[in-house]
């Protein structure tokens, strides 16, 4: 009789059943991943100055595979404008700058403590290692008193695709402006969700 089961050992769920000859089949269900260890963080009211490269950085773990699930962006500026915000995957680490740790929170109190590191460079930017642009969007910035806030979301694995991942402590996923200067009065809010396994 078909039954839902975790046959892959990594939280993947699907329909499993028997075939003639003693073989089995497995049909994966939607990748909503309710059993994976999941973590969230929100860096808000970041006001970087000068040319902004990597602003918020998620670094890999020595013991777990880190999989990025989503990036949510919002912000404000003195005068309405828009900026490009990009996601990079990098290797080789960062030099210079002032990294500031961002608080990470588990989605479930039974999830173990996160082993990934998360920090921002709003105070002073750093020089990043080699990398490739993975994703991006245009973010509309309006005056804070406007009340109309743009909030684009970059989502991964929602269509059963493979998430951008980090293997080891020398890999990073970074959210930044690719060298663009924030407009006057500019503030950014960045929310990240990821899993660890």
C-alpha atoms as a PDB file:
ATOM      1  CA  UNK A   1       0.000   0.000   0.000  1.00  0.00           C
ATOM      2  CA  UNK A   2       1.500   3.412  -0.917  1.00  0.00           C
ATOM      3  CA  UNK A   3       2.642   5.502   2.025  1.00  0.00           C
ATOM      4  CA  UNK A   4       4.399   8.785   2.624  1.00  0.00           C
ATOM      5  CA  UNK A   5       7.905   8.162   3.854  1.00  0.00           C
ATOM      6  CA  UNK A   6      11.296   9.799   4.240  1.00  0.00           C
ATOM      7  CA  UNK A   7      13.193   7.394   1.998  1.00  0.00           C
ATOM      8  CA  UNK A   8      16.086   9.709   1.174  1.00  0.00           C
ATOM      9  CA  UNK A   9      17.268  10.355   4.715  1.00  0.00           C
ATOM     10  CA  UNK A  10      17.322  14.133   4.264  1.00  0.00           C
ATOM     11  CA  UNK A  11      13.784  15.233   5.022  1.00  0.00           C
ATOM     12  CA  UNK A  12      12.446  14.669   1.496  1.00  0.00           C
ATOM     13  CA  UNK A  13       8.900  13.341   1.485  1.00  0.00           C
ATOM     14  CA  UNK A  14       7.109  11.386  -1.183  1.00  0.00           C
ATOM     15  CA  UNK A  15       4.854   8.521  -2.143  1.00  0.00           C
ATOM     16  CA  UNK A  16       6.458   5.093  -1.910  1.00  0.00           C
ATOM     17  CA  UNK A  17       4.992   1.818  -3.072  1.00  0.00           C
ATOM     18  CA  UNK A  18       5.830  -1.653  -4.277  1.00  0.00           C
ATOM     19  CA  UNK A  19       6.301  -2.801  -7.875  1.00  0.00           C
ATOM     20  CA  UNK A  20       6.192  -6.344  -9.277  1.00  0.00           C
ATOM     21  CA  UNK A  21       9.426  -8.200  -8.718  1.00  0.00           C
ATOM     22  CA  UNK A  22      10.062  -6.775  -5.271  1.00  0.00           C
ATOM     23  CA  UNK A  23      11.137  -3.334  -6.453  1.00  0.00           C
ATOM     24  CA  UNK A  24       9.823  -0.087  -4.992  1.00  0.00           C
ATOM     25  CA  UNK A  25       9.065   3.335  -6.449  1.00  0.00           C
ATOM     26  CA  UNK A  26       9.366   6.798  -4.923  1.00  0.00           C
ATOM     27  CA  UNK A  27       7.581   9.898  -6.229  1.00  0.00           C
ATOM     28  CA  UNK A  28       8.799  13.069  -4.473  1.00  0.00           C
ATOM     29  CA  UNK A  29       6.178  15.479  -3.207  1.00  0.00           C
ATOM     30  CA  UNK A  30       6.463  19.268  -3.275  1.00  0.00           C
ATOM     31  CA  UNK A  31       9.647  20.492  -1.641  1.00  0.00           C
ATOM     32  CA  UNK A  32       8.082  22.419   1.211  1.00  0.00           C
ATOM     33  CA  UNK A  33      10.640  20.857   3.578  1.00  0.00           C
ATOM     34  CA  UNK A  34       8.766  21.021   6.882  1.00  0.00           C
ATOM     35  CA  UNK A  35      11.263  18.710   8.574  1.00  0.00           C
ATOM     36  CA  UNK A  36      14.538  20.443   7.708  1.00  0.00           C
ATOM     37  CA  UNK A  37      16.351  22.525  10.332  1.00  0.00           C
ATOM     38  CA  UNK A  38      15.355  26.063   9.287  1.00  0.00           C
ATOM     39  CA  UNK A  39      16.711  29.451  10.355  1.00  0.00           C
ATOM     40  CA  UNK A  40      15.756  33.070   9.765  1.00  0.00           C
ATOM     41  CA  UNK A  41      17.407  36.427  10.274  1.00  0.00           C
ATOM     42  CA  UNK A  42      16.397  40.036   9.701  1.00  0.00           C
ATOM     43  CA  UNK A  43      18.917  42.840   9.246  1.00  0.00           C
ATOM     44  CA  UNK A  44      17.000  46.104   9.300  1.00  0.00           C
ATOM     45  CA  UNK A  45      17.634  49.815   8.835  1.00  0.00           C
ATOM     46  CA  UNK A  46      21.066  49.268   7.300  1.00  0.00           C
ATOM     47  CA  UNK A  47      22.512  52.567   6.076  1.00  0.00           C
ATOM     48  CA  UNK A  48      25.773  51.845   4.233  1.00  0.00           C
ATOM     49  CA  UNK A  49      27.823  54.717   2.834  1.00  0.00           C
ATOM     50  CA  UNK A  50      29.923  54.938  -0.323  1.00  0.00           C
ATOM     51  CA  UNK A  51      29.974  52.243  -2.982  1.00  0.00           C
ATOM     52  CA  UNK A  52      28.116  49.235  -1.581  1.00  0.00           C
ATOM     53  CA  UNK A  53      29.299  45.810  -2.620  1.00  0.00           C
ATOM     54  CA  UNK A  54      28.402  42.829  -0.417  1.00  0.00           C
ATOM     55  CA  UNK A  55      26.177  44.101   2.376  1.00  0.00           C
ATOM     56  CA  UNK A  56      24.703  40.990   4.058  1.00  0.00           C
ATOM     57  CA  UNK A  57      26.752  37.779   3.963  1.00  0.00           C
ATOM     58  CA  UNK A  58      25.818  34.194   4.876  1.00  0.00           C
ATOM     59  CA  UNK A  59      28.841  31.943   5.288  1.00  0.00           C
ATOM     60  CA  UNK A  60      29.045  28.170   5.074  1.00  0.00           C
ATOM     61  CA  UNK A  61      29.491  25.625   7.835  1.00  0.00           C
ATOM     62  CA  UNK A  62      32.201  23.078   8.592  1.00  0.00           C
ATOM     63  CA  UNK A  63      29.613  20.448   9.546  1.00  0.00           C
ATOM     64  CA  UNK A  64      26.379  21.112   7.592  1.00  0.00           C
ATOM     65  CA  UNK A  65      25.117  21.855   4.099  1.00  0.00           C
ATOM     66  CA  UNK A  66      23.604  25.362   4.040  1.00  0.00           C
ATOM     67  CA  UNK A  67      20.734  25.899   1.577  1.00  0.00           C
ATOM     68  CA  UNK A  68      19.330  29.383   0.912  1.00  0.00           C
ATOM     69  CA  UNK A  69      15.518  29.412   0.815  1.00  0.00           C
ATOM     70  CA  UNK A  70      14.603  33.084   0.380  1.00  0.00           C
ATOM     71  CA  UNK A  71      15.760  36.684   0.454  1.00  0.00           C
ATOM     72  CA  UNK A  72      13.192  39.418   1.176  1.00  0.00           C
ATOM     73  CA  UNK A  73      14.105  43.060   0.593  1.00  0.00           C
ATOM     74  CA  UNK A  74      12.634  46.415   1.548  1.00  0.00           C
ATOM     75  CA  UNK A  75      13.923  49.909   2.134  1.00  0.00           C
ATOM     76  CA  UNK A  76      13.397  53.645   2.033  1.00  0.00           C
ATOM     77  CA  UNK A  77      15.115  56.809   0.799  1.00  0.00           C
ATOM     78  CA  UNK A  78      14.602  60.549   1.056  1.00  0.00           C
ATOM     79  CA  UNK A  79      13.375  60.734  -2.541  1.00  0.00           C
ATOM     80  CA  UNK A  80      11.616  57.942  -4.405  1.00  0.00           C
ATOM     81  CA  UNK A  81      14.024  55.953  -6.563  1.00  0.00           C
ATOM     82  CA  UNK A  82      15.012  52.376  -7.338  1.00  0.00           C
ATOM     83  CA  UNK A  83      18.200  50.348  -7.050  1.00  0.00           C
ATOM     84  CA  UNK A  84      19.428  46.960  -8.190  1.00  0.00           C
ATOM     85  CA  UNK A  85      20.011  44.398  -5.440  1.00  0.00           C
ATOM     86  CA  UNK A  86      21.937  41.227  -6.261  1.00  0.00           C
ATOM     87  CA  UNK A  87      22.793  37.825  -4.791  1.00  0.00           C
ATOM     88  CA  UNK A  88      26.340  36.484  -5.264  1.00  0.00           C
ATOM     89  CA  UNK A  89      27.957  33.158  -4.467  1.00  0.00           C
ATOM     90  CA  UNK A  90      31.567  33.692  -3.424  1.00  0.00           C
ATOM     91  CA  UNK A  91      34.683  31.802  -2.378  1.00  0.00           C
ATOM     92  CA  UNK A  92      37.892  32.916  -0.769  1.00  0.00           C
ATOM     93  CA  UNK A  93      36.550  35.062   2.049  1.00  0.00           C
ATOM     94  CA  UNK A  94      36.656  38.793   2.769  1.00  0.00           C
ATOM     95  CA  UNK A  95      39.421  41.228   3.624  1.00  0.00           C
ATOM     96  CA  UNK A  96      39.070  44.537   5.436  1.00  0.00           C
ATOM     97  CA  UNK A  97      35.773  46.092   6.400  1.00  0.00           C
ATOM     98  CA  UNK A  98      33.848  45.822   9.660  1.00  0.00           C
ATOM     99  CA  UNK A  99      31.654  42.711   9.868  1.00  0.00           C
ATOM    100  CA  UNK A 100      28.758  42.943  12.327  1.00  0.00           C
ATOM    101  CA  UNK A 101      27.046  39.726  13.423  1.00  0.00           C
ATOM    102  CA  UNK A 102      23.303  39.356  12.711  1.00  0.00           C
ATOM    103  CA  UNK A 103      21.117  37.381  15.119  1.00  0.00           C
ATOM    104  CA  UNK A 104      19.972  34.001  13.752  1.00  0.00           C
ATOM    105  CA  UNK A 105      16.757  32.367  14.970  1.00  0.00           C
ATOM    106  CA  UNK A 106      15.661  28.749  14.550  1.00  0.00           C
ATOM    107  CA  UNK A 107      12.172  28.239  13.136  1.00  0.00           C
ATOM    108  CA  UNK A 108      11.575  25.454  15.663  1.00  0.00           C
ATOM    109  CA  UNK A 109      12.870  25.321  19.229  1.00  0.00           C
ATOM    110  CA  UNK A 110      13.869  21.695  18.644  1.00  0.00           C
ATOM    111  CA  UNK A 111      16.214  22.660  15.792  1.00  0.00           C
ATOM    112  CA  UNK A 112      19.895  22.720  16.822  1.00  0.00           C
ATOM    113  CA  UNK A 113      21.842  25.976  16.978  1.00  0.00           C
ATOM    114  CA  UNK A 114      22.746  27.331  13.557  1.00  0.00           C
ATOM    115  CA  UNK A 115      26.308  26.601  12.420  1.00  0.00           C
ATOM    116  CA  UNK A 116      26.296  29.131   9.565  1.00  0.00           C
ATOM    117  CA  UNK A 117      27.568  32.654  10.207  1.00  0.00           C
ATOM    118  CA  UNK A 118      25.645  35.761   9.189  1.00  0.00           C
ATOM    119  CA  UNK A 119      26.935  39.327   9.242  1.00  0.00           C
ATOM    120  CA  UNK A 120      26.640  42.701   7.512  1.00  0.00           C
ATOM    121  CA  UNK A 121      29.108  45.329   6.310  1.00  0.00           C
ATOM    122  CA  UNK A 122      26.955  48.444   6.733  1.00  0.00           C
ATOM    123  CA  UNK A 123      29.586  50.207   8.872  1.00  0.00           C
ATOM    124  CA  UNK A 124      32.530  49.674   6.529  1.00  0.00           C
ATOM    125  CA  UNK A 125      32.599  47.558   3.385  1.00  0.00           C
ATOM    126  CA  UNK A 126      35.025  44.728   2.676  1.00  0.00           C
ATOM    127  CA  UNK A 127      36.821  43.371  -0.370  1.00  0.00           C
ATOM    128  CA  UNK A 128      35.158  40.127  -1.432  1.00  0.00           C
ATOM    129  CA  UNK A 129      36.697  37.007  -2.941  1.00  0.00           C
ATOM    130  CA  UNK A 130      35.884  35.609  -6.360  1.00  0.00           C
ATOM    131  CA  UNK A 131      32.205  35.111  -7.085  1.00  0.00           C
ATOM    132  CA  UNK A 132      29.335  34.784  -9.507  1.00  0.00           C
ATOM    133  CA  UNK A 133      26.068  36.719  -9.603  1.00  0.00           C
ATOM    134  CA  UNK A 134      23.188  34.282  -9.013  1.00  0.00           C
ATOM    135  CA  UNK A 135      20.094  36.446  -8.830  1.00  0.00           C
ATOM    136  CA  UNK A 136      18.803  39.971  -8.379  1.00  0.00           C
ATOM    137  CA  UNK A 137      15.920  42.398  -8.683  1.00  0.00           C
ATOM    138  CA  UNK A 138      14.983  46.062  -8.784  1.00  0.00           C
ATOM    139  CA  UNK A 139      13.953  47.478  -5.413  1.00  0.00           C
ATOM    140  CA  UNK A 140      11.794  50.606  -5.324  1.00  0.00           C
ATOM    141  CA  UNK A 141      12.681  52.927  -2.456  1.00  0.00           C
ATOM    142  CA  UNK A 142      10.108  55.450  -1.262  1.00  0.00           C
ATOM    143  CA  UNK A 143      10.169  58.007   1.565  1.00  0.00           C
ATOM    144  CA  UNK A 144       9.514  56.234   4.867  1.00  0.00           C
ATOM    145  CA  UNK A 145       6.416  58.372   5.493  1.00  0.00           C
ATOM    146  CA  UNK A 146       4.962  57.336   2.141  1.00  0.00           C
ATOM    147  CA  UNK A 147       3.478  54.123   3.521  1.00  0.00           C
ATOM    148  CA  UNK A 148       3.892  52.296   0.194  1.00  0.00           C
ATOM    149  CA  UNK A 149       6.831  49.929   0.655  1.00  0.00           C
ATOM    150  CA  UNK A 150       8.153  47.624  -2.064  1.00  0.00           C
ATOM    151  CA  UNK A 151       9.017  44.150  -0.742  1.00  0.00           C
ATOM    152  CA  UNK A 152      10.385  41.819  -3.437  1.00  0.00           C
ATOM    153  CA  UNK A 153      11.161  38.200  -2.517  1.00  0.00           C
ATOM    154  CA  UNK A 154      13.727  35.934  -4.146  1.00  0.00           C
ATOM    155  CA  UNK A 155      12.578  32.347  -3.529  1.00  0.00           C
ATOM    156  CA  UNK A 156      14.356  29.039  -4.008  1.00  0.00           C
ATOM    157  CA  UNK A 157      13.103  25.401  -3.963  1.00  0.00           C
ATOM    158  CA  UNK A 158       9.478  26.527  -4.223  1.00  0.00           C
ATOM    159  CA  UNK A 159       9.193  24.678  -7.537  1.00  0.00           C
ATOM    160  CA  UNK A 160      11.205  21.679  -6.370  1.00  0.00           C
ATOM    161  CA  UNK A 161      14.390  23.196  -7.786  1.00  0.00           C
ATOM    162  CA  UNK A 162      17.787  23.011  -6.104  1.00  0.00           C
ATOM    163  CA  UNK A 163      18.572  25.866  -3.733  1.00  0.00           C
ATOM    164  CA  UNK A 164      21.832  27.832  -3.866  1.00  0.00           C
ATOM    165  CA  UNK A 165      23.970  26.058  -1.291  1.00  0.00           C
ATOM    166  CA  UNK A 166      27.163  26.443   0.702  1.00  0.00           C
ATOM    167  CA  UNK A 167      29.570  23.553   1.290  1.00  0.00           C
ATOM    168  CA  UNK A 168      32.280  24.398   3.806  1.00  0.00           C
ATOM    169  CA  UNK A 169      33.444  27.568   5.515  1.00  0.00           C
ATOM    170  CA  UNK A 170      35.060  29.107   2.423  1.00  0.00           C
ATOM    171  CA  UNK A 171      31.799  29.546   0.522  1.00  0.00           C
ATOM    172  CA  UNK A 172      29.492  32.554   0.953  1.00  0.00           C
ATOM    173  CA  UNK A 173      26.140  33.854  -0.287  1.00  0.00           C
ATOM    174  CA  UNK A 174      26.060  37.635  -0.313  1.00  0.00           C
ATOM    175  CA  UNK A 175      23.353  40.261  -0.874  1.00  0.00           C
ATOM    176  CA  UNK A 176      24.630  43.606  -2.128  1.00  0.00           C
ATOM    177  CA  UNK A 177      24.458  46.471  -4.613  1.00  0.00           C
ATOM    178  CA  UNK A 178      27.416  45.556  -6.859  1.00  0.00           C
ATOM    179  CA  UNK A 179      29.276  48.811  -6.223  1.00  0.00           C
ATOM    180  CA  UNK A 180      26.354  51.255  -6.383  1.00  0.00           C
ATOM    181  CA  UNK A 181      26.065  54.043  -3.804  1.00  0.00           C
ATOM    182  CA  UNK A 182      22.856  54.225  -1.776  1.00  0.00           C
ATOM    183  CA  UNK A 183      20.708  57.300  -2.493  1.00  0.00           C
ATOM    184  CA  UNK A 184      20.363  60.069   0.104  1.00  0.00           C
ATOM    185  CA  UNK A 185      18.628  58.840   3.234  1.00  0.00           C
ATOM    186  CA  UNK A 186      18.805  55.271   1.950  1.00  0.00           C
ATOM    187  CA  UNK A 187      17.984  52.389   4.298  1.00  0.00           C
ATOM    188  CA  UNK A 188      17.801  48.670   3.511  1.00  0.00           C
ATOM    189  CA  UNK A 189      16.093  45.767   5.271  1.00  0.00           C
ATOM    190  CA  UNK A 190      17.184  42.221   4.377  1.00  0.00           C
ATOM    191  CA  UNK A 191      15.463  39.049   5.584  1.00  0.00           C
ATOM    192  CA  UNK A 192      17.026  35.627   4.925  1.00  0.00           C
ATOM    193  CA  UNK A 193      15.739  32.081   5.406  1.00  0.00           C
ATOM    194  CA  UNK A 194      17.977  29.018   5.046  1.00  0.00           C
ATOM    195  CA  UNK A 195      18.165  25.361   6.053  1.00  0.00           C
ATOM    196  CA  UNK A 196      21.034  23.322   7.499  1.00  0.00           C
ATOM    197  CA  UNK A 197      21.485  19.578   7.139  1.00  0.00           C
END
